[in-house]
């Protein structure tokens, strides 16, 4: 894999930066495409969790005790997202195509 494809593969695991690789000329590279898919699925899961958290917070309102559980769950999801991103970056660094745990089987890009 050339340096540009590797750079885009690293960026795929950093939130919205995964979109940069989708618009590059190298998106046909199968290794880059694998990492772009993994990063895009991770990013979409993060956005879904953020939207669900916002909806729950707006429904609960200002009840402090009721906000503890959603805040804890959202923090846990954020930590899991960070761990999955680090696993993906490690896979890029070691030139492996290992799918991420839990979300690795989802294919958005064909």
Protein backbone atom coordinates (compact mmCIF):
# COMPACT_ATOMS: atom_id res chain seq x y z
CA UNK A 1 0.00 0.00 0.00
CA UNK A 2 1.42 3.39 -0.92
CA UNK A 3 1.86 6.23 1.56
CA UNK A 4 -1.24 8.16 0.46
CA UNK A 5 -3.50 5.13 0.85
CA UNK A 6 -1.98 4.44 4.26
CA UNK A 7 -2.56 8.05 5.34
CA UNK A 8 -6.21 7.87 4.24
CA UNK A 9 -6.50 4.53 6.08
CA UNK A 10 -5.32 6.17 9.30
CA UNK A 11 -7.76 9.05 8.80
CA UNK A 12 -10.61 6.58 8.31
CA UNK A 13 -10.64 5.86 12.04
CA UNK A 14 -10.73 9.50 13.16
CA UNK A 15 -14.42 10.44 13.19
CA UNK A 16 -15.61 12.56 10.27
CA UNK A 17 -12.17 12.45 8.65
CA UNK A 18 -13.20 9.08 7.21
CA UNK A 19 -15.12 11.06 4.59
CA UNK A 20 -11.89 12.46 3.13
CA UNK A 21 -10.82 9.05 1.84
CA UNK A 22 -14.20 8.53 0.17
CA UNK A 23 -13.53 11.47 -2.12
CA UNK A 24 -9.95 10.53 -2.99
CA UNK A 25 -8.77 8.90 -6.21
CA UNK A 26 -7.41 5.98 -4.19
CA UNK A 27 -10.80 4.76 -2.94
CA UNK A 28 -10.60 1.83 -5.39
CA UNK A 29 -7.63 0.42 -3.45
CA UNK A 30 -9.05 -2.71 -1.70
CA UNK A 31 -7.06 -2.18 1.51
CA UNK A 32 -8.07 1.47 1.76
CA UNK A 33 -11.65 0.54 0.94
CA UNK A 34 -11.68 -1.99 3.80
CA UNK A 35 -10.44 0.60 6.31
CA UNK A 36 -12.79 3.27 4.92
CA UNK A 37 -15.72 0.90 5.42
CA UNK A 38 -14.66 0.12 9.00
CA UNK A 39 -14.16 3.80 9.82
CA UNK A 40 -17.45 4.83 8.21
CA UNK A 41 -19.41 2.21 10.15
CA UNK A 42 -17.72 3.35 13.37
CA UNK A 43 -18.48 7.00 12.61
CA UNK A 44 -22.14 6.26 11.83
CA UNK A 45 -22.47 4.31 15.09
CA UNK A 46 -20.97 7.27 16.97
CA UNK A 47 -23.44 9.66 15.32
CA UNK A 48 -26.39 7.37 16.08
CA UNK A 49 -25.33 7.17 19.74
CA UNK A 50 -25.00 10.96 19.87
CA UNK A 51 -28.49 11.47 18.43
CA UNK A 52 -30.04 8.93 20.78
CA UNK A 53 -28.28 10.56 23.74
CA UNK A 54 -29.57 13.99 22.72
CA UNK A 55 -33.14 12.69 22.41
CA UNK A 56 -32.97 11.00 25.82
CA UNK A 57 -31.56 14.15 27.41
CA UNK A 58 -34.29 16.30 25.92
CA UNK A 59 -36.98 13.90 27.17
CA UNK A 60 -35.54 13.65 30.67
CA UNK A 61 -34.97 17.36 30.98
CA UNK A 62 -33.40 18.76 34.13
CA UNK A 63 -33.87 15.77 36.41
CA UNK A 64 -30.30 15.28 37.61
CA UNK A 65 -30.70 11.78 39.01
CA UNK A 66 -32.30 10.51 35.81
CA UNK A 67 -29.44 11.95 33.71
CA UNK A 68 -26.80 9.83 35.46
CA UNK A 69 -27.61 6.57 33.65
CA UNK A 70 -27.70 7.99 30.09
CA UNK A 71 -24.54 9.98 30.79
CA UNK A 72 -22.77 6.85 32.02
CA UNK A 73 -23.94 4.83 29.01
CA UNK A 74 -22.86 7.55 26.56
CA UNK A 75 -19.45 7.75 28.26
CA UNK A 76 -19.13 3.97 27.95
CA UNK A 77 -20.04 4.13 24.25
CA UNK A 78 -17.45 6.89 23.75
CA UNK A 79 -14.79 4.79 25.43
CA UNK A 80 -15.71 1.78 23.27
CA UNK A 81 -15.50 3.98 20.18
CA UNK A 82 -12.04 5.17 21.19
CA UNK A 83 -10.86 1.59 21.73
CA UNK A 84 -12.25 0.50 18.35
CA UNK A 85 -10.52 3.46 16.66
CA UNK A 86 -7.22 2.51 18.28
CA UNK A 87 -7.64 -1.11 17.17
CA UNK A 88 -8.29 0.09 13.62
CA UNK A 89 -5.25 2.37 13.64
CA UNK A 90 -3.14 -0.52 14.98
CA UNK A 91 -4.43 -2.71 12.12
CA UNK A 92 -3.37 -0.06 9.60
CA UNK A 93 0.07 0.26 11.19
CA UNK A 94 0.61 -3.52 11.07
CA UNK A 95 -0.88 -3.92 7.56
CA UNK A 96 -3.66 -6.23 8.78
CA UNK A 97 -7.21 -6.46 7.50
CA UNK A 98 -8.78 -7.65 10.74
CA UNK A 99 -12.41 -6.55 11.13
CA UNK A 100 -13.23 -4.52 14.21
CA UNK A 101 -15.03 -6.32 17.03
CA UNK A 102 -18.85 -6.01 17.07
CA UNK A 103 -19.16 -3.74 13.99
CA UNK A 104 -16.61 -5.41 11.70
CA UNK A 105 -19.18 -7.50 9.84
CA UNK A 106 -21.15 -4.52 8.53
CA UNK A 107 -20.35 -3.59 4.94
CA UNK A 108 -21.51 -0.21 3.67
CA UNK A 109 -19.00 0.17 0.84
CA UNK A 110 -19.11 -2.52 -1.80
